[in-house]
PDB file of N, CA and C in Angstrom:
ATOM      1  N   MET A   1       9.617  13.679  12.788  1.00  0.00           N
ATOM      2  CA  MET A   1      10.022  12.806  12.514  1.00  0.00           C
ATOM      3  C   MET A   1      10.095  13.628  11.858  1.00  0.00           C
ATOM      4  N   ASN A   2      11.375  14.673  10.797  1.00  0.00           N
ATOM      5  CA  ASN A   2      10.927  15.742   9.544  1.00  0.00           C
ATOM      6  C   ASN A   2      10.755  15.194   7.846  1.00  0.00           C
ATOM      7  N   ILE A   3      11.072  15.122   6.959  1.00  0.00           N
ATOM      8  CA  ILE A   3      10.629  14.230   5.361  1.00  0.00           C
ATOM      9  C   ILE A   3      11.957  13.934   5.371  1.00  0.00           C
ATOM     10  N   LYS A   4      12.781  15.303   5.288  1.00  0.00           N
ATOM     11  CA  LYS A   4      14.063  14.693   5.349  1.00  0.00           C
ATOM     12  C   LYS A   4      14.729  13.308   5.443  1.00  0.00           C
ATOM     13  N   GLN A   5      14.167  12.887   6.978  1.00  0.00           N
ATOM     14  CA  GLN A   5      14.832  11.824   7.986  1.00  0.00           C
ATOM     15  C   GLN A   5      13.993  10.756   7.562  1.00  0.00           C
ATOM     16  N   GLU A   6      12.734  10.510   7.248  1.00  0.00           N
ATOM     17  CA  GLU A   6      11.562   9.913   6.596  1.00  0.00           C
ATOM     18  C   GLU A   6      12.825   9.224   5.501  1.00  0.00           C
ATOM     19  N   ALA A   7      12.710  10.299   4.504  1.00  0.00           N
ATOM     20  CA  ALA A   7      13.675   9.670   2.926  1.00  0.00           C
ATOM     21  C   ALA A   7      14.696   8.596   2.837  1.00  0.00           C
ATOM     22  N   ILE A   8      15.650   9.725   4.631  1.00  0.00           N
ATOM     23  CA  ILE A   8      16.961   8.421   4.531  1.00  0.00           C
ATOM     24  C   ILE A   8      16.284   6.969   5.118  1.00  0.00           C
ATOM     25  N   ASN A   9      15.741   7.316   5.765  1.00  0.00           N
ATOM     26  CA  ASN A   9      15.333   6.274   6.447  1.00  0.00           C
ATOM     27  C   ASN A   9      14.524   5.494   5.028  1.00  0.00           C
ATOM     28  N   ALA A  10      13.829   5.557   4.720  1.00  0.00           N
ATOM     29  CA  ALA A  10      13.152   4.649   3.290  1.00  0.00           C
ATOM     30  C   ALA A  10      13.947   4.175   2.480  1.00  0.00           C
ATOM     31  N   ILE A  11      14.912   5.106   2.607  1.00  0.00           N
ATOM     32  CA  ILE A  11      16.470   4.371   1.436  1.00  0.00           C
ATOM     33  C   ILE A  11      16.816   4.057   2.239  1.00  0.00           C
ATOM     34  N   GLU A  12      17.432   3.491   3.153  1.00  0.00           N
ATOM     35  CA  GLU A  12      17.806   3.440   4.416  1.00  0.00           C
ATOM     36  C   GLU A  12      17.406   1.267   4.254  1.00  0.00           C
ATOM     37  N   ASN A  13      16.257   1.495   4.000  1.00  0.00           N
ATOM     38  CA  ASN A  13      15.628   0.294   4.770  1.00  0.00           C
ATOM     39  C   ASN A  13      14.993  -0.349   3.121  1.00  0.00           C
ATOM     40  N   LEU A  14      16.143  -0.525   2.079  1.00  0.00           N
ATOM     41  CA  LEU A  14      15.654  -0.737   0.732  1.00  0.00           C
ATOM     42  C   LEU A  14      17.351  -1.199   0.598  1.00  0.00           C
ATOM     43  N   PRO A  15      17.089  -3.118  -0.042  1.00  0.00           N
ATOM     44  CA  PRO A  15      18.008  -3.433   0.302  1.00  0.00           C
ATOM     45  C   PRO A  15      19.096  -3.142  -0.782  1.00  0.00           C
ATOM     46  N   ASP A  16      20.601  -3.297  -0.892  1.00  0.00           N
ATOM     47  CA  ASP A  16      21.463  -2.921  -0.923  1.00  0.00           C
ATOM     48  C   ASP A  16      21.835  -2.620  -2.665  1.00  0.00           C
ATOM     49  N   ALA A  17      21.568  -3.809  -3.226  1.00  0.00           N
ATOM     50  CA  ALA A  17      21.035  -3.634  -5.564  1.00  0.00           C
ATOM     51  C   ALA A  17      19.769  -3.033  -5.126  1.00  0.00           C
ATOM     52  N   VAL A  18      19.549  -2.067  -4.395  1.00  0.00           N
ATOM     53  CA  VAL A  18      18.344  -1.185  -5.426  1.00  0.00           C
ATOM     54  C   VAL A  18      19.443  -0.615  -5.861  1.00  0.00           C
ATOM     55  N   ASN A  19      18.016   0.061  -6.931  1.00  0.00           N
ATOM     56  CA  ASN A  19      18.622   1.177  -7.857  1.00  0.00           C
ATOM     57  C   ASN A  19      17.900   2.551  -8.395  1.00  0.00           C
ATOM     58  N   PHE A  20      18.007   3.419  -8.720  1.00  0.00           N
ATOM     59  CA  PHE A  20      17.253   4.437  -8.485  1.00  0.00           C
ATOM     60  C   PHE A  20      16.235   5.189  -8.658  1.00  0.00           C
ATOM     61  N   GLU A  21      15.375   3.911 -10.329  1.00  0.00           N
ATOM     62  CA  GLU A  21      14.518   3.737 -10.478  1.00  0.00           C
ATOM     63  C   GLU A  21      13.440   3.051  -8.831  1.00  0.00           C
ATOM     64  N   GLU A  22      13.927   2.267  -8.280  1.00  0.00           N
ATOM     65  CA  GLU A  22      13.523   1.513  -7.241  1.00  0.00           C
ATOM     66  C   GLU A  22      13.498   3.395  -5.774  1.00  0.00           C
ATOM     67  N   ILE A  23      14.082   3.988  -5.363  1.00  0.00           N
ATOM     68  CA  ILE A  23      13.988   4.455  -4.904  1.00  0.00           C
ATOM     69  C   ILE A  23      13.391   5.464  -4.864  1.00  0.00           C
ATOM     70  N   MET A  24      13.550   6.352  -6.289  1.00  0.00           N
ATOM     71  CA  MET A  24      12.442   6.952  -7.415  1.00  0.00           C
ATOM     72  C   MET A  24      10.866   6.307  -6.055  1.00  0.00           C
ATOM     73  N   TYR A  25      11.046   5.714  -6.945  1.00  0.00           N
ATOM     74  CA  TYR A  25       9.302   5.217  -6.692  1.00  0.00           C
ATOM     75  C   TYR A  25       9.158   5.384  -5.006  1.00  0.00           C
ATOM     76  N   ARG A  26      10.162   4.327  -4.789  1.00  0.00           N
ATOM     77  CA  ARG A  26       9.956   4.914  -2.544  1.00  0.00           C
ATOM     78  C   ARG A  26       9.279   6.130  -2.732  1.00  0.00           C
ATOM     79  N   LEU A  27      10.790   7.195  -2.564  1.00  0.00           N
ATOM     80  CA  LEU A  27       9.938   7.869  -2.433  1.00  0.00           C
ATOM     81  C   LEU A  27       8.847   8.930  -3.124  1.00  0.00           C
ATOM     82  N   TYR A  28       8.451   8.535  -4.083  1.00  0.00           N
ATOM     83  CA  TYR A  28       7.356   8.964  -4.860  1.00  0.00           C
ATOM     84  C   TYR A  28       6.234   8.293  -3.894  1.00  0.00           C
ATOM     85  N   VAL A  29       6.176   7.164  -3.584  1.00  0.00           N
ATOM     86  CA  VAL A  29       5.225   6.597  -2.611  1.00  0.00           C
ATOM     87  C   VAL A  29       5.090   7.659  -0.668  1.00  0.00           C
ATOM     88  N   LEU A  30       6.345   7.776  -0.954  1.00  0.00           N
ATOM     89  CA  LEU A  30       6.071   8.191  -0.069  1.00  0.00           C
ATOM     90  C   LEU A  30       5.882   9.647   0.128  1.00  0.00           C
ATOM     91  N   GLU A  31       5.437   9.737  -0.715  1.00  0.00           N
ATOM     92  CA  GLU A  31       4.828  11.355  -1.209  1.00  0.00           C
ATOM     93  C   GLU A  31       4.094  11.953  -1.479  1.00  0.00           C
ATOM     94  N   LYS A  32       2.950  10.981  -1.865  1.00  0.00           N
ATOM     95  CA  LYS A  32       1.769  10.514  -2.028  1.00  0.00           C
ATOM     96  C   LYS A  32       0.959  10.339  -0.882  1.00  0.00           C
ATOM     97  N   ILE A  33       1.834   9.377  -0.044  1.00  0.00           N
ATOM     98  CA  ILE A  33       0.544   9.198   1.503  1.00  0.00           C
ATOM     99  C   ILE A  33       0.811  10.802   2.174  1.00  0.00           C
ATOM    100  N   HIS A  34       1.930  11.319   2.731  1.00  0.00           N
ATOM    101  CA  HIS A  34       2.337  12.613   2.408  1.00  0.00           C
ATOM    102  C   HIS A  34       0.955  12.889   2.242  1.00  0.00           C
ATOM    103  N   GLN A  35       0.618  13.476   1.138  1.00  0.00           N
ATOM    104  CA  GLN A  35      -0.139  14.507   0.576  1.00  0.00           C
ATOM    105  C   GLN A  35      -1.492  13.946   1.249  1.00  0.00           C
ATOM    106  N   GLY A  36      -1.536  12.639   0.968  1.00  0.00           N
ATOM    107  CA  GLY A  36      -2.876  11.451   0.987  1.00  0.00           C
ATOM    108  C   GLY A  36      -3.564  11.963   2.982  1.00  0.00           C
ATOM    109  N   GLN A  37      -2.084  11.924   4.097  1.00  0.00           N
ATOM    110  CA  GLN A  37      -2.737  12.408   5.110  1.00  0.00           C
ATOM    111  C   GLN A  37      -3.046  14.197   5.696  1.00  0.00           C
ATOM    112  N   ALA A  38      -2.562  14.727   4.314  1.00  0.00           N
ATOM    113  CA  ALA A  38      -2.458  16.363   3.587  1.00  0.00           C
ATOM    114  C   ALA A  38      -4.162  16.376   3.928  1.00  0.00           C
ATOM    115  N   ALA A  39      -4.213  15.782   2.715  1.00  0.00           N
ATOM    116  CA  ALA A  39      -5.681  15.868   2.377  1.00  0.00           C
ATOM    117  C   ALA A  39      -6.856  15.496   3.696  1.00  0.00           C
ATOM    118  N   ILE A  40      -6.634  14.523   3.681  1.00  0.00           N
ATOM    119  CA  ILE A  40      -7.538  13.739   5.691  1.00  0.00           C
ATOM    120  C   ILE A  40      -7.457  14.923   6.295  1.00  0.00           C
ATOM    121  N   SER A  41      -6.536  15.505   7.150  1.00  0.00           N
ATOM    122  CA  SER A  41      -6.113  16.977   8.096  1.00  0.00           C
ATOM    123  C   SER A  41      -6.919  18.114   7.426  1.00  0.00           C
ATOM    124  N   ASN A  42      -7.079  18.520   5.971  1.00  0.00           N
ATOM    125  CA  ASN A  42      -7.620  19.260   5.379  1.00  0.00           C
ATOM    126  C   ASN A  42      -9.124  19.237   5.058  1.00  0.00           C
ATOM    127  N   GLY A  43      -9.839  18.153   5.286  1.00  0.00           N
ATOM    128  CA  GLY A  43     -10.693  17.506   5.473  1.00  0.00           C
ATOM    129  C   GLY A  43     -11.178  17.529   3.735  1.00  0.00           C
ATOM    130  N   ASN A  44     -10.832  17.376   3.166  1.00  0.00           N
ATOM    131  CA  ASN A  44     -10.478  16.716   1.312  1.00  0.00           C
ATOM    132  C   ASN A  44     -10.615  15.549   1.442  1.00  0.00           C
ATOM    133  N   VAL A  45     -11.950  15.464   1.178  1.00  0.00           N
ATOM    134  CA  VAL A  45     -11.822  13.536   2.064  1.00  0.00           C
ATOM    135  C   VAL A  45     -13.440  14.206   0.997  1.00  0.00           C
ATOM    136  N   LYS A  46     -13.943  12.146   0.267  1.00  0.00           N
ATOM    137  CA  LYS A  46     -14.846  12.537  -0.082  1.00  0.00           C
ATOM    138  C   LYS A  46     -15.701  10.994   0.412  1.00  0.00           C
ATOM    139  N   THR A  47     -16.639  10.819   0.696  1.00  0.00           N
ATOM    140  CA  THR A  47     -17.795   9.375   1.431  1.00  0.00           C
ATOM    141  C   THR A  47     -17.279   8.371   0.658  1.00  0.00           C
ATOM    142  N   ILE A  48     -17.923   6.950   1.316  1.00  0.00           N
ATOM    143  CA  ILE A  48     -17.988   5.622   0.636  1.00  0.00           C
ATOM    144  C   ILE A  48     -19.335   6.342  -0.423  1.00  0.00           C
ATOM    145  N   ASP A  49     -20.226   7.382  -0.231  1.00  0.00           N
ATOM    146  CA  ASP A  49     -21.268   7.045  -1.018  1.00  0.00           C
ATOM    147  C   ASP A  49     -21.337   8.322  -2.330  1.00  0.00           C
ATOM    148  N   GLU A  50     -20.771   9.205  -2.042  1.00  0.00           N
ATOM    149  CA  GLU A  50     -19.951   9.591  -2.988  1.00  0.00           C
ATOM    150  C   GLU A  50     -19.192   9.690  -3.722  1.00  0.00           C
ATOM    151  N   LEU A  51     -18.237   8.438  -3.481  1.00  0.00           N
ATOM    152  CA  LEU A  51     -17.499   7.871  -4.440  1.00  0.00           C
ATOM    153  C   LEU A  51     -18.108   6.809  -5.405  1.00  0.00           C
ATOM    154  N   LYS A  52     -18.872   6.334  -4.561  1.00  0.00           N
ATOM    155  CA  LYS A  52     -20.301   5.204  -5.438  1.00  0.00           C
ATOM    156  C   LYS A  52     -20.816   6.048  -6.492  1.00  0.00           C
ATOM    157  N   GLN A  53     -21.254   7.154  -5.932  1.00  0.00           N
ATOM    158  CA  GLN A  53     -22.486   8.172  -7.383  1.00  0.00           C
ATOM    159  C   GLN A  53     -21.504   8.710  -8.401  1.00  0.00           C
ATOM    160  N   GLU A  54     -19.574   9.179  -8.101  1.00  0.00           N
ATOM    161  CA  GLU A  54     -18.757   9.176  -8.795  1.00  0.00           C
ATOM    162  C   GLU A  54     -19.128   7.911 -10.210  1.00  0.00           C
ATOM    163  N   VAL A  55     -18.434   6.891  -9.200  1.00  0.00           N
ATOM    164  CA  VAL A  55     -18.018   6.105 -10.491  1.00  0.00           C
ATOM    165  C   VAL A  55     -18.927   5.397 -11.054  1.00  0.00           C
ATOM    166  N   ALA A  56     -20.409   5.586 -10.833  1.00  0.00           N
ATOM    167  CA  ALA A  56     -22.099   5.050 -11.586  1.00  0.00           C
ATOM    168  C   ALA A  56     -22.436   6.277 -12.397  1.00  0.00           C
ATOM    169  N   ASN A  57     -21.271   7.212 -12.399  1.00  0.00           N
ATOM    170  CA  ASN A  57     -21.807   8.400 -13.754  1.00  0.00           C
ATOM    171  C   ASN A  57     -20.642   8.069 -14.920  1.00  0.00           C
ATOM    172  N   TRP A  58     -19.176   7.473 -14.020  1.00  0.00           N
ATOM    173  CA  TRP A  58     -18.898   7.009 -15.437  1.00  0.00           C
ATOM    174  C   TRP A  58     -19.704   5.767 -16.957  1.00  0.00           C
TER     175      TRP A  58
END
């Protein structure tokens, strides 16, 4: 499924009484999911141990 169709499906699954803010939020979440999937595909991830170390340095 292409991105345009995913966006259309996401909007169609919202209730009829939806406002633009909710539509934009749904599309924003969809984009963030795609970015995360791309990061995983590109190997741009951290291990749990790396995250624990990063949090410990806060």
